[in-house]
Amino acid sequence: MGSPVRSDARTREAVARLLRRDIEALTRREDRRPGGVGHAEARSYLARRLAELALPSYAGEGYLAPYGADGLNVLAAIHGSDRHRRPVVLATNYDGARGSPGAGANAASVAIILAVAPRLQAATLDRGVVLALLDDVAPPRHRDGATGATVLLTDQRRHDVKAAVVLDRLGHRSDEAAAPTVFVTGAETDARLPSVLTGVTNDCFRLVPVHRRRRKDVAVSAPFVAAGVPYLELCGGHWSGHGSKDDTLERLDVSLLVDLVDTVETLVRRLDQVRLPGPYEGYDSSAFEGEAVADARRRASLMP
């Protein structure tokens, strides 16, 4: 398994500037609720950024992949050296709650994907990567049950998917922990996924693997569960300001986000190489999770 990516100081500074720029652009309006002005501006900005990165589109001629009455996923591709291999999906949602700038939910996760994309493109991976910036993670009850993720997996995907890395609510320190905490679910979906996570833990934050049953279904990853796609979801610890007007760029830990860019690159690189024989959800990950939590606590005790 490849060594974890660790950026040097100069690279970290450049990534931090890029993250701030993208988060600031996505949080300029009061919110990004579906159908609102901020939502439309966000997807236009994302299409421009993907074009700026010179990334190929994934579904159709452009980056915007419509569904339903007014849903629009923003999709791009990174081609691998072998077009016949199943791609890895790197996903988050770009919409947000009413009345919240949504910096941590999920402008920061979008910015991480935009920051890691050129690095993955330069890596010349064996298999492709689908960059999925998804619309409408939780549609109102009066609409049908389709979300951007379900439509991607049922109607818009052009290939079988090997695995997914899903990002959600990243960038804030949890309310109950002094050190930044990032949870990762999905290790139970394939026996090789713990090896993908082994050694990834960054010294600057706690990476805590938990079984999905302890967190229940998280909206962004639930469609991947339903589709039987092995996945790893990175999610921030509990922070009471999600969905509120306090969820702003100023409240984010940008240093943590820079660390997460390295972590996401490492995970995608490893998923590019590892064999995932299945069966889906056929693995008891409790021993791995217990050992990883103990290690995270030990690391936390050593943090200044």
C-alpha atoms as a PDB file:
ATOM      1  CA  MET A   1       0.000   0.000   0.000  1.00  0.00           C
ATOM      2  CA  GLY A   2       1.438   3.409  -0.950  1.00  0.00           C
ATOM      3  CA  SER A   3       2.872   5.762   1.656  1.00  0.00           C
ATOM      4  CA  PRO A   4       0.577   8.562   2.892  1.00  0.00           C
ATOM      5  CA  VAL A   5       0.868  11.874   1.051  1.00  0.00           C
ATOM      6  CA  ARG A   6       2.468  14.620   3.154  1.00  0.00           C
ATOM      7  CA  SER A   7       2.702  18.111   1.619  1.00  0.00           C
ATOM      8  CA  ASP A   8       5.647  20.382   2.383  1.00  0.00           C
ATOM      9  CA  ALA A   9       5.197  23.831   3.935  1.00  0.00           C
ATOM     10  CA  ARG A  10       5.157  25.746   0.641  1.00  0.00           C
ATOM     11  CA  THR A  11       2.566  23.399  -0.856  1.00  0.00           C
ATOM     12  CA  ARG A  12       0.442  23.659   2.273  1.00  0.00           C
ATOM     13  CA  GLU A  13       0.373  27.448   2.025  1.00  0.00           C
ATOM     14  CA  ALA A  14      -0.688  27.307  -1.632  1.00  0.00           C
ATOM     15  CA  VAL A  15      -3.417  24.746  -0.887  1.00  0.00           C
ATOM     16  CA  ALA A  16      -4.712  26.843   2.020  1.00  0.00           C
ATOM     17  CA  ARG A  17      -5.063  29.889  -0.245  1.00  0.00           C
ATOM     18  CA  LEU A  18      -6.915  27.831  -2.840  1.00  0.00           C
ATOM     19  CA  LEU A  19      -9.273  26.348  -0.263  1.00  0.00           C
ATOM     20  CA  ARG A  20     -10.112  29.766   1.152  1.00  0.00           C
ATOM     21  CA  ARG A  21     -10.789  31.158  -2.325  1.00  0.00           C
ATOM     22  CA  ASP A  22     -13.218  28.384  -3.239  1.00  0.00           C
ATOM     23  CA  ILE A  23     -15.008  28.361   0.118  1.00  0.00           C
ATOM     24  CA  GLU A  24     -15.367  32.141   0.035  1.00  0.00           C
ATOM     25  CA  ALA A  25     -16.904  31.980  -3.448  1.00  0.00           C
ATOM     26  CA  LEU A  26     -19.348  29.240  -2.457  1.00  0.00           C
ATOM     27  CA  THR A  27     -20.462  30.986   0.747  1.00  0.00           C
ATOM     28  CA  ARG A  28     -20.886  34.496  -0.669  1.00  0.00           C
ATOM     29  CA  ARG A  29     -24.682  34.238  -0.578  1.00  0.00           C
ATOM     30  CA  GLU A  30     -26.779  33.640   2.534  1.00  0.00           C
ATOM     31  CA  ASP A  31     -27.384  30.020   1.572  1.00  0.00           C
ATOM     32  CA  ARG A  32     -27.269  27.436  -1.230  1.00  0.00           C
ATOM     33  CA  ARG A  33     -30.699  25.888  -0.811  1.00  0.00           C
ATOM     34  CA  PRO A  34     -31.926  24.155  -3.993  1.00  0.00           C
ATOM     35  CA  GLY A  35     -33.723  26.597  -6.251  1.00  0.00           C
ATOM     36  CA  GLY A  36     -32.147  29.671  -4.665  1.00  0.00           C
ATOM     37  CA  VAL A  37     -29.819  32.260  -6.175  1.00  0.00           C
ATOM     38  CA  GLY A  38     -26.853  31.031  -4.139  1.00  0.00           C
ATOM     39  CA  HIS A  39     -27.440  27.494  -5.359  1.00  0.00           C
ATOM     40  CA  ALA A  40     -27.439  28.552  -9.017  1.00  0.00           C
ATOM     41  CA  GLU A  41     -24.349  30.712  -8.539  1.00  0.00           C
ATOM     42  CA  ALA A  42     -22.553  27.833  -6.812  1.00  0.00           C
ATOM     43  CA  ARG A  43     -23.049  25.373  -9.653  1.00  0.00           C
ATOM     44  CA  SER A  44     -22.002  27.996 -12.222  1.00  0.00           C
ATOM     45  CA  TYR A  45     -18.866  28.671 -10.211  1.00  0.00           C
ATOM     46  CA  LEU A  46     -18.101  24.955  -9.986  1.00  0.00           C
ATOM     47  CA  ALA A  47     -18.471  24.505 -13.741  1.00  0.00           C
ATOM     48  CA  ARG A  48     -16.022  27.394 -14.277  1.00  0.00           C
ATOM     49  CA  ARG A  49     -13.539  25.911 -11.817  1.00  0.00           C
ATOM     50  CA  LEU A  50     -13.646  22.494 -13.482  1.00  0.00           C
ATOM     51  CA  ALA A  51     -13.059  24.163 -16.847  1.00  0.00           C
ATOM     52  CA  GLU A  52     -10.176  26.123 -15.317  1.00  0.00           C
ATOM     53  CA  LEU A  53      -8.671  22.803 -14.226  1.00  0.00           C
ATOM     54  CA  ALA A  54      -9.135  21.485 -17.793  1.00  0.00           C
ATOM     55  CA  LEU A  55     -10.912  18.381 -16.552  1.00  0.00           C
ATOM     56  CA  PRO A  56     -12.954  16.270 -18.966  1.00  0.00           C
ATOM     57  CA  SER A  57     -16.709  16.170 -18.435  1.00  0.00           C
ATOM     58  CA  TYR A  58     -18.230  12.899 -17.279  1.00  0.00           C
ATOM     59  CA  ALA A  59     -21.862  12.852 -18.414  1.00  0.00           C
ATOM     60  CA  GLY A  60     -22.607  14.637 -21.669  1.00  0.00           C
ATOM     61  CA  GLU A  61     -20.924  17.583 -23.295  1.00  0.00           C
ATOM     62  CA  GLY A  62     -20.634  19.800 -20.215  1.00  0.00           C
ATOM     63  CA  TYR A  63     -20.188  19.499 -16.484  1.00  0.00           C
ATOM     64  CA  LEU A  64     -23.848  20.050 -15.568  1.00  0.00           C
ATOM     65  CA  ALA A  65     -25.866  16.826 -15.567  1.00  0.00           C
ATOM     66  CA  PRO A  66     -29.596  17.588 -15.141  1.00  0.00           C
ATOM     67  CA  TYR A  67     -32.168  15.321 -13.544  1.00  0.00           C
ATOM     68  CA  GLY A  68     -35.797  15.655 -12.542  1.00  0.00           C
ATOM     69  CA  ALA A  69     -37.499  19.023 -12.805  1.00  0.00           C
ATOM     70  CA  ASP A  70     -34.565  21.200 -11.752  1.00  0.00           C
ATOM     71  CA  GLY A  71     -31.791  19.045 -10.259  1.00  0.00           C
ATOM     72  CA  LEU A  72     -28.245  19.466 -11.556  1.00  0.00           C
ATOM     73  CA  ASN A  73     -25.249  17.407 -10.572  1.00  0.00           C
ATOM     74  CA  VAL A  74     -21.823  18.815 -11.421  1.00  0.00           C
ATOM     75  CA  LEU A  75     -19.660  15.974 -12.742  1.00  0.00           C
ATOM     76  CA  ALA A  76     -16.138  15.682 -14.113  1.00  0.00           C
ATOM     77  CA  ALA A  77     -13.710  12.876 -14.834  1.00  0.00           C
ATOM     78  CA  ILE A  78     -10.050  12.096 -14.416  1.00  0.00           C
ATOM     79  CA  HIS A  79      -9.049   9.421 -16.907  1.00  0.00           C
ATOM     80  CA  GLY A  80      -6.878   6.532 -15.801  1.00  0.00           C
ATOM     81  CA  SER A  81      -4.365   4.721 -17.961  1.00  0.00           C
ATOM     82  CA  ASP A  82      -6.757   1.766 -18.353  1.00  0.00           C
ATOM     83  CA  ARG A  83     -10.223   2.897 -19.470  1.00  0.00           C
ATOM     84  CA  HIS A  84     -11.611  -0.613 -18.860  1.00  0.00           C
ATOM     85  CA  ARG A  85     -11.074  -0.490 -15.092  1.00  0.00           C
ATOM     86  CA  ARG A  86     -13.935   0.544 -12.839  1.00  0.00           C
ATOM     87  CA  PRO A  87     -13.514   4.142 -11.599  1.00  0.00           C
ATOM     88  CA  VAL A  88     -13.423   5.458  -8.052  1.00  0.00           C
ATOM     89  CA  VAL A  89     -16.032   8.107  -7.199  1.00  0.00           C
ATOM     90  CA  LEU A  90     -15.009  11.140  -5.114  1.00  0.00           C
ATOM     91  CA  ALA A  91     -18.218  12.793  -3.943  1.00  0.00           C
ATOM     92  CA  THR A  92     -19.880  15.417  -1.797  1.00  0.00           C
ATOM     93  CA  ASN A  93     -22.959  17.631  -2.121  1.00  0.00           C
ATOM     94  CA  TYR A  94     -22.756  21.304  -3.053  1.00  0.00           C
ATOM     95  CA  ASP A  95     -26.209  22.452  -1.908  1.00  0.00           C
ATOM     96  CA  GLY A  96     -26.790  23.793   1.600  1.00  0.00           C
ATOM     97  CA  ALA A  97     -29.388  24.557   4.229  1.00  0.00           C
ATOM     98  CA  ARG A  98     -31.664  27.588   4.219  1.00  0.00           C
ATOM     99  CA  GLY A  99     -30.205  30.507   6.145  1.00  0.00           C
ATOM    100  CA  SER A 100     -26.676  29.077   6.417  1.00  0.00           C
ATOM    101  CA  PRO A 101     -23.551  29.983   4.431  1.00  0.00           C
ATOM    102  CA  GLY A 102     -22.731  26.275   4.663  1.00  0.00           C
ATOM    103  CA  ALA A 103     -18.949  26.590   4.906  1.00  0.00           C
ATOM    104  CA  GLY A 104     -18.611  23.238   6.638  1.00  0.00           C
ATOM    105  CA  ALA A 105     -21.734  21.757   5.039  1.00  0.00           C
ATOM    106  CA  ASN A 106     -20.400  21.347   2.455  1.00  0.00           C
ATOM    107  CA  ALA A 107     -18.394  24.149   0.817  1.00  0.00           C
ATOM    108  CA  ALA A 108     -15.214  22.908   2.511  1.00  0.00           C
ATOM    109  CA  SER A 109     -15.717  19.372   1.177  1.00  0.00           C
ATOM    110  CA  VAL A 110     -16.250  20.750  -2.337  1.00  0.00           C
ATOM    111  CA  ALA A 111     -13.068  22.817  -1.989  1.00  0.00           C
ATOM    112  CA  ILE A 112     -11.111  19.717  -0.925  1.00  0.00           C
ATOM    113  CA  ILE A 113     -12.217  17.912  -4.093  1.00  0.00           C
ATOM    114  CA  LEU A 114     -11.248  20.892  -6.267  1.00  0.00           C
ATOM    115  CA  ALA A 115      -7.844  21.047  -4.554  1.00  0.00           C
ATOM    116  CA  VAL A 116      -7.085  17.342  -4.905  1.00  0.00           C
ATOM    117  CA  ALA A 117      -8.292  17.028  -8.519  1.00  0.00           C
ATOM    118  CA  PRO A 118      -5.152  18.361 -10.283  1.00  0.00           C
ATOM    119  CA  ARG A 119      -2.970  16.219  -8.033  1.00  0.00           C
ATOM    120  CA  LEU A 120      -4.889  13.086  -8.991  1.00  0.00           C
ATOM    121  CA  GLN A 121      -4.756  14.101 -12.640  1.00  0.00           C
ATOM    122  CA  ALA A 122      -0.966  14.422 -12.433  1.00  0.00           C
ATOM    123  CA  ALA A 123      -0.649  11.083 -10.645  1.00  0.00           C
ATOM    124  CA  THR A 124      -1.505   9.019 -13.768  1.00  0.00           C
ATOM    125  CA  LEU A 125      -3.702   6.544 -11.941  1.00  0.00           C
ATOM    126  CA  ASP A 126      -4.495   3.131 -13.398  1.00  0.00           C
ATOM    127  CA  ARG A 127      -8.238   3.708 -13.140  1.00  0.00           C
ATOM    128  CA  GLY A 128     -10.349   6.816 -13.577  1.00  0.00           C
ATOM    129  CA  VAL A 129     -11.889   9.013 -10.926  1.00  0.00           C
ATOM    130  CA  VAL A 130     -15.380  10.500 -11.144  1.00  0.00           C
ATOM    131  CA  LEU A 131     -15.594  13.878  -9.394  1.00  0.00           C
ATOM    132  CA  ALA A 132     -19.210  14.124  -8.238  1.00  0.00           C
ATOM    133  CA  LEU A 133     -20.445  17.431  -6.805  1.00  0.00           C
ATOM    134  CA  LEU A 134     -23.997  16.430  -6.048  1.00  0.00           C
ATOM    135  CA  ASP A 135     -27.230  18.375  -5.873  1.00  0.00           C
ATOM    136  CA  ASP A 136     -30.011  18.082  -3.331  1.00  0.00           C
ATOM    137  CA  VAL A 137     -28.706  15.723  -0.680  1.00  0.00           C
ATOM    138  CA  ALA A 138     -32.065  15.673   1.146  1.00  0.00           C
ATOM    139  CA  PRO A 139     -35.015  16.680  -1.053  1.00  0.00           C
ATOM    140  CA  PRO A 140     -38.146  18.116   0.584  1.00  0.00           C
ATOM    141  CA  ARG A 141     -40.936  15.662   1.246  1.00  0.00           C
ATOM    142  CA  HIS A 142     -43.163  17.068  -1.493  1.00  0.00           C
ATOM    143  CA  ARG A 143     -40.609  16.046  -4.153  1.00  0.00           C
ATOM    144  CA  ASP A 144     -39.756  12.543  -5.267  1.00  0.00           C
ATOM    145  CA  GLY A 145     -37.104  10.580  -3.415  1.00  0.00           C
ATOM    146  CA  ALA A 146     -34.338  11.170  -5.926  1.00  0.00           C
ATOM    147  CA  THR A 147     -31.192  12.885  -4.726  1.00  0.00           C
ATOM    148  CA  GLY A 148     -28.127  13.814  -6.702  1.00  0.00           C
ATOM    149  CA  ALA A 149     -26.332  10.727  -5.414  1.00  0.00           C
ATOM    150  CA  THR A 150     -29.131   8.283  -6.227  1.00  0.00           C
ATOM    151  CA  VAL A 151     -29.469   9.693  -9.739  1.00  0.00           C
ATOM    152  CA  LEU A 152     -25.715   9.494 -10.294  1.00  0.00           C
ATOM    153  CA  LEU A 153     -25.715   5.809  -9.378  1.00  0.00           C
ATOM    154  CA  THR A 154     -28.926   4.808 -11.139  1.00  0.00           C
ATOM    155  CA  ASP A 155     -29.068   6.961 -14.286  1.00  0.00           C
ATOM    156  CA  GLN A 156     -25.920   9.010 -14.822  1.00  0.00           C
ATOM    157  CA  ARG A 157     -23.033   6.648 -14.225  1.00  0.00           C
ATOM    158  CA  ARG A 158     -21.435   5.253 -17.358  1.00  0.00           C
ATOM    159  CA  HIS A 159     -19.513   2.394 -15.706  1.00  0.00           C
ATOM    160  CA  ASP A 160     -19.684   0.061 -12.760  1.00  0.00           C
ATOM    161  CA  VAL A 161     -18.032   1.748  -9.778  1.00  0.00           C
ATOM    162  CA  LYS A 162     -15.207   0.156  -7.828  1.00  0.00           C
ATOM    163  CA  ALA A 163     -15.514   2.237  -4.663  1.00  0.00           C
ATOM    164  CA  ALA A 164     -16.342   5.718  -3.398  1.00  0.00           C
ATOM    165  CA  VAL A 165     -14.736   8.292  -1.124  1.00  0.00           C
ATOM    166  CA  VAL A 166     -17.474  10.522   0.282  1.00  0.00           C
ATOM    167  CA  LEU A 167     -16.894  13.812   2.154  1.00  0.00           C
ATOM    168  CA  ASP A 168     -19.387  15.431   4.517  1.00  0.00           C
ATOM    169  CA  ARG A 169     -19.346  18.235   7.097  1.00  0.00           C
ATOM    170  CA  LEU A 170     -15.606  18.699   7.261  1.00  0.00           C
ATOM    171  CA  GLY A 171     -13.569  21.592   8.590  1.00  0.00           C
ATOM    172  CA  HIS A 172     -14.832  22.259  12.117  1.00  0.00           C
ATOM    173  CA  ARG A 173     -13.431  21.023  15.376  1.00  0.00           C
ATOM    174  CA  SER A 174     -15.973  18.860  17.180  1.00  0.00           C
ATOM    175  CA  ASP A 175     -17.716  20.411  20.176  1.00  0.00           C
ATOM    176  CA  GLU A 176     -16.516  17.734  22.596  1.00  0.00           C
ATOM    177  CA  ALA A 177     -12.878  17.319  21.522  1.00  0.00           C
ATOM    178  CA  ALA A 178      -9.830  19.547  21.826  1.00  0.00           C
ATOM    179  CA  ALA A 179      -8.138  17.915  18.831  1.00  0.00           C
ATOM    180  CA  PRO A 180      -9.846  17.933  15.420  1.00  0.00           C
ATOM    181  CA  THR A 181     -11.737  14.689  14.910  1.00  0.00           C
ATOM    182  CA  VAL A 182     -12.688  13.111  11.603  1.00  0.00           C
ATOM    183  CA  PHE A 183     -14.859  10.003  11.560  1.00  0.00           C
ATOM    184  CA  VAL A 184     -14.638   7.467   8.755  1.00  0.00           C
ATOM    185  CA  THR A 185     -17.405   4.974   8.073  1.00  0.00           C
ATOM    186  CA  GLY A 186     -17.546   2.170   5.527  1.00  0.00           C
ATOM    187  CA  ALA A 187     -14.605  -0.043   6.555  1.00  0.00           C
ATOM    188  CA  GLU A 188     -17.144  -2.830   7.022  1.00  0.00           C
ATOM    189  CA  THR A 189     -18.066  -2.829   3.320  1.00  0.00           C
ATOM    190  CA  ASP A 190     -14.993  -4.781   2.186  1.00  0.00           C
ATOM    191  CA  ALA A 191     -12.318  -6.744   4.031  1.00  0.00           C
ATOM    192  CA  ARG A 192      -9.512  -4.813   2.286  1.00  0.00           C
ATOM    193  CA  LEU A 193     -10.710  -1.330   3.251  1.00  0.00           C
ATOM    194  CA  PRO A 194      -9.007  -1.381   6.684  1.00  0.00           C
ATOM    195  CA  SER A 195      -5.690  -1.820   4.852  1.00  0.00           C
ATOM    196  CA  VAL A 196      -6.541   1.277   2.795  1.00  0.00           C
ATOM    197  CA  LEU A 197      -6.959   3.232   6.030  1.00  0.00           C
ATOM    198  CA  THR A 198      -3.935   1.806   7.856  1.00  0.00           C
ATOM    199  CA  GLY A 199      -1.249   4.405   8.384  1.00  0.00           C
ATOM    200  CA  VAL A 200      -3.314   7.253   6.910  1.00  0.00           C
ATOM    201  CA  THR A 201      -3.874   8.987  10.268  1.00  0.00           C
ATOM    202  CA  ASN A 202      -2.372  12.454  10.258  1.00  0.00           C
ATOM    203  CA  ASP A 203      -0.578  13.596  13.396  1.00  0.00           C
ATOM    204  CA  CYS A 204      -2.634  16.811  13.391  1.00  0.00           C
ATOM    205  CA  PHE A 205      -6.082  15.239  13.732  1.00  0.00           C
ATOM    206  CA  ARG A 206      -7.789  12.111  14.999  1.00  0.00           C
ATOM    207  CA  LEU A 207      -9.127   9.767  12.320  1.00  0.00           C
ATOM    208  CA  VAL A 208     -11.708   7.603  14.057  1.00  0.00           C
ATOM    209  CA  PRO A 209     -13.259   4.672  12.149  1.00  0.00           C
ATOM    210  CA  VAL A 210     -16.791   3.777  13.195  1.00  0.00           C
ATOM    211  CA  HIS A 211     -19.312   1.309  11.820  1.00  0.00           C
ATOM    212  CA  ARG A 212     -22.219   2.904   9.973  1.00  0.00           C
ATOM    213  CA  ARG A 213     -24.692   1.435  12.446  1.00  0.00           C
ATOM    214  CA  ARG A 214     -23.247   3.741  15.126  1.00  0.00           C
ATOM    215  CA  ARG A 215     -23.902   6.819  13.017  1.00  0.00           C
ATOM    216  CA  LYS A 216     -26.953   5.489  11.169  1.00  0.00           C
ATOM    217  CA  ASP A 217     -27.338   6.347   7.488  1.00  0.00           C
ATOM    218  CA  VAL A 218     -25.687   9.602   6.541  1.00  0.00           C
ATOM    219  CA  ALA A 219     -27.521  11.234   3.654  1.00  0.00           C
ATOM    220  CA  VAL A 220     -24.537  11.606   1.319  1.00  0.00           C
ATOM    221  CA  SER A 221     -23.326   8.002   1.622  1.00  0.00           C
ATOM    222  CA  ALA A 222     -26.704   6.251   1.952  1.00  0.00           C
ATOM    223  CA  PRO A 223     -27.188   5.863  -1.850  1.00  0.00           C
ATOM    224  CA  PHE A 224     -23.776   4.179  -2.139  1.00  0.00           C
ATOM    225  CA  VAL A 225     -24.851   1.745   0.585  1.00  0.00           C
ATOM    226  CA  ALA A 226     -28.084   1.036  -1.288  1.00  0.00           C
ATOM    227  CA  ALA A 227     -26.184   0.470  -4.532  1.00  0.00           C
ATOM    228  CA  GLY A 228     -23.724  -1.952  -2.923  1.00  0.00           C
ATOM    229  CA  VAL A 229     -20.685   0.229  -3.623  1.00  0.00           C
ATOM    230  CA  PRO A 230     -17.798  -0.166  -1.137  1.00  0.00           C
ATOM    231  CA  TYR A 231     -17.118   3.264   0.304  1.00  0.00           C
ATOM    232  CA  LEU A 232     -15.242   5.324   2.856  1.00  0.00           C
ATOM    233  CA  GLU A 233     -16.978   8.433   4.159  1.00  0.00           C
ATOM    234  CA  LEU A 234     -15.023  11.138   5.979  1.00  0.00           C
ATOM    235  CA  CYS A 235     -17.241  13.207   8.253  1.00  0.00           C
ATOM    236  CA  GLY A 236     -16.451  15.843  10.853  1.00  0.00           C
ATOM    237  CA  GLY A 237     -17.252  15.426  14.522  1.00  0.00           C
ATOM    238  CA  HIS A 238     -20.358  16.973  16.029  1.00  0.00           C
ATOM    239  CA  TRP A 239     -20.406  20.763  15.752  1.00  0.00           C
ATOM    240  CA  SER A 240     -23.556  22.552  16.857  1.00  0.00           C
ATOM    241  CA  GLY A 241     -23.309  25.296  14.213  1.00  0.00           C
ATOM    242  CA  HIS A 242     -23.973  23.168  11.134  1.00  0.00           C
ATOM    243  CA  GLY A 243     -26.968  24.538   9.282  1.00  0.00           C
ATOM    244  CA  SER A 244     -26.758  27.883  11.105  1.00  0.00           C
ATOM    245  CA  LYS A 245     -25.618  31.381  10.139  1.00  0.00           C
ATOM    246  CA  ASP A 246     -22.422  30.693  12.125  1.00  0.00           C
ATOM    247  CA  ASP A 247     -21.202  28.120   9.603  1.00  0.00           C
ATOM    248  CA  THR A 248     -18.791  30.547   7.955  1.00  0.00           C
ATOM    249  CA  LEU A 249     -15.275  30.405   6.532  1.00  0.00           C
ATOM    250  CA  GLU A 250     -13.967  32.181   9.624  1.00  0.00           C
ATOM    251  CA  ARG A 251     -15.106  29.267  11.800  1.00  0.00           C
ATOM    252  CA  LEU A 252     -13.247  26.629   9.796  1.00  0.00           C
ATOM    253  CA  ASP A 253      -9.891  25.085  10.673  1.00  0.00           C
ATOM    254  CA  VAL A 254      -8.145  25.596   7.321  1.00  0.00           C
ATOM    255  CA  SER A 255      -5.043  23.728   8.499  1.00  0.00           C
ATOM    256  CA  LEU A 256      -7.260  20.680   9.058  1.00  0.00           C
ATOM    257  CA  LEU A 257      -8.659  21.049   5.545  1.00  0.00           C
ATOM    258  CA  VAL A 258      -5.140  21.091   4.094  1.00  0.00           C
ATOM    259  CA  ASP A 259      -4.383  17.870   5.974  1.00  0.00           C
ATOM    260  CA  LEU A 260      -7.589  16.386   4.552  1.00  0.00           C
ATOM    261  CA  VAL A 261      -6.505  17.182   0.982  1.00  0.00           C
ATOM    262  CA  ASP A 262      -3.443  14.992   1.589  1.00  0.00           C
ATOM    263  CA  THR A 263      -5.608  12.309   3.227  1.00  0.00           C
ATOM    264  CA  VAL A 264      -8.124  12.197   0.379  1.00  0.00           C
ATOM    265  CA  GLU A 265      -5.344  11.947  -2.195  1.00  0.00           C
ATOM    266  CA  THR A 266      -3.856   9.038  -0.251  1.00  0.00           C
ATOM    267  CA  LEU A 267      -7.183   7.201  -0.070  1.00  0.00           C
ATOM    268  CA  VAL A 268      -7.920   7.578  -3.788  1.00  0.00           C
ATOM    269  CA  ARG A 269      -4.404   6.472  -4.733  1.00  0.00           C
ATOM    270  CA  ARG A 270      -4.746   3.392  -2.553  1.00  0.00           C
ATOM    271  CA  LEU A 271      -8.209   2.534  -3.870  1.00  0.00           C
ATOM    272  CA  ASP A 272      -6.769   2.796  -7.363  1.00  0.00           C
ATOM    273  CA  GLN A 273      -4.428  -0.099  -6.541  1.00  0.00           C
ATOM    274  CA  VAL A 274      -6.109  -2.303  -3.942  1.00  0.00           C
ATOM    275  CA  ARG A 275      -8.163  -5.321  -4.938  1.00  0.00           C
ATOM    276  CA  LEU A 276     -11.636  -5.348  -3.377  1.00  0.00           C
ATOM    277  CA  PRO A 277     -12.882  -8.925  -3.685  1.00  0.00           C
ATOM    278  CA  GLY A 278     -16.023  -8.464  -1.578  1.00  0.00           C
ATOM    279  CA  PRO A 279     -18.510  -9.579  -0.505  1.00  0.00           C
ATOM    280  CA  TYR A 280     -20.059  -6.189   0.149  1.00  0.00           C
ATOM    281  CA  GLU A 281     -20.613  -5.647   3.890  1.00  0.00           C
ATOM    282  CA  GLY A 282     -19.269  -9.133   4.515  1.00  0.00           C
ATOM    283  CA  TYR A 283     -16.523  -8.009   6.898  1.00  0.00           C
ATOM    284  CA  ASP A 284     -16.574  -7.632  10.683  1.00  0.00           C
ATOM    285  CA  SER A 285     -14.572  -4.433  11.147  1.00  0.00           C
ATOM    286  CA  SER A 286     -15.019  -4.131  14.931  1.00  0.00           C
ATOM    287  CA  ALA A 287     -11.473  -5.264  15.818  1.00  0.00           C
ATOM    288  CA  PHE A 288      -9.931  -2.796  13.370  1.00  0.00           C
ATOM    289  CA  GLU A 289     -12.150   0.024  14.644  1.00  0.00           C
ATOM    290  CA  GLY A 290     -11.256  -0.701  18.272  1.00  0.00           C
ATOM    291  CA  GLU A 291      -7.522  -0.706  17.560  1.00  0.00           C
ATOM    292  CA  ALA A 292      -7.770   2.460  15.474  1.00  0.00           C
ATOM    293  CA  VAL A 293      -9.738   4.320  18.162  1.00  0.00           C
ATOM    294  CA  ALA A 294      -7.138   3.341  20.788  1.00  0.00           C
ATOM    295  CA  ASP A 295      -4.368   4.593  18.501  1.00  0.00           C
ATOM    296  CA  ALA A 296      -6.232   7.861  17.857  1.00  0.00           C
ATOM    297  CA  ARG A 297      -6.592   8.425  21.602  1.00  0.00           C
ATOM    298  CA  ARG A 298      -2.900   7.763  22.115  1.00  0.00           C
ATOM    299  CA  ARG A 299      -2.015  10.245  19.373  1.00  0.00           C
ATOM    300  CA  ALA A 300      -4.388  12.826  20.845  1.00  0.00           C
ATOM    301  CA  SER A 301      -2.685  12.566  24.205  1.00  0.00           C
ATOM    302  CA  LEU A 302       0.618  13.456  22.550  1.00  0.00           C
ATOM    303  CA  MET A 303      -0.721  16.521  20.723  1.00  0.00           C
ATOM    304  CA  PRO A 304       0.400  19.889  22.130  1.00  0.00           C
END
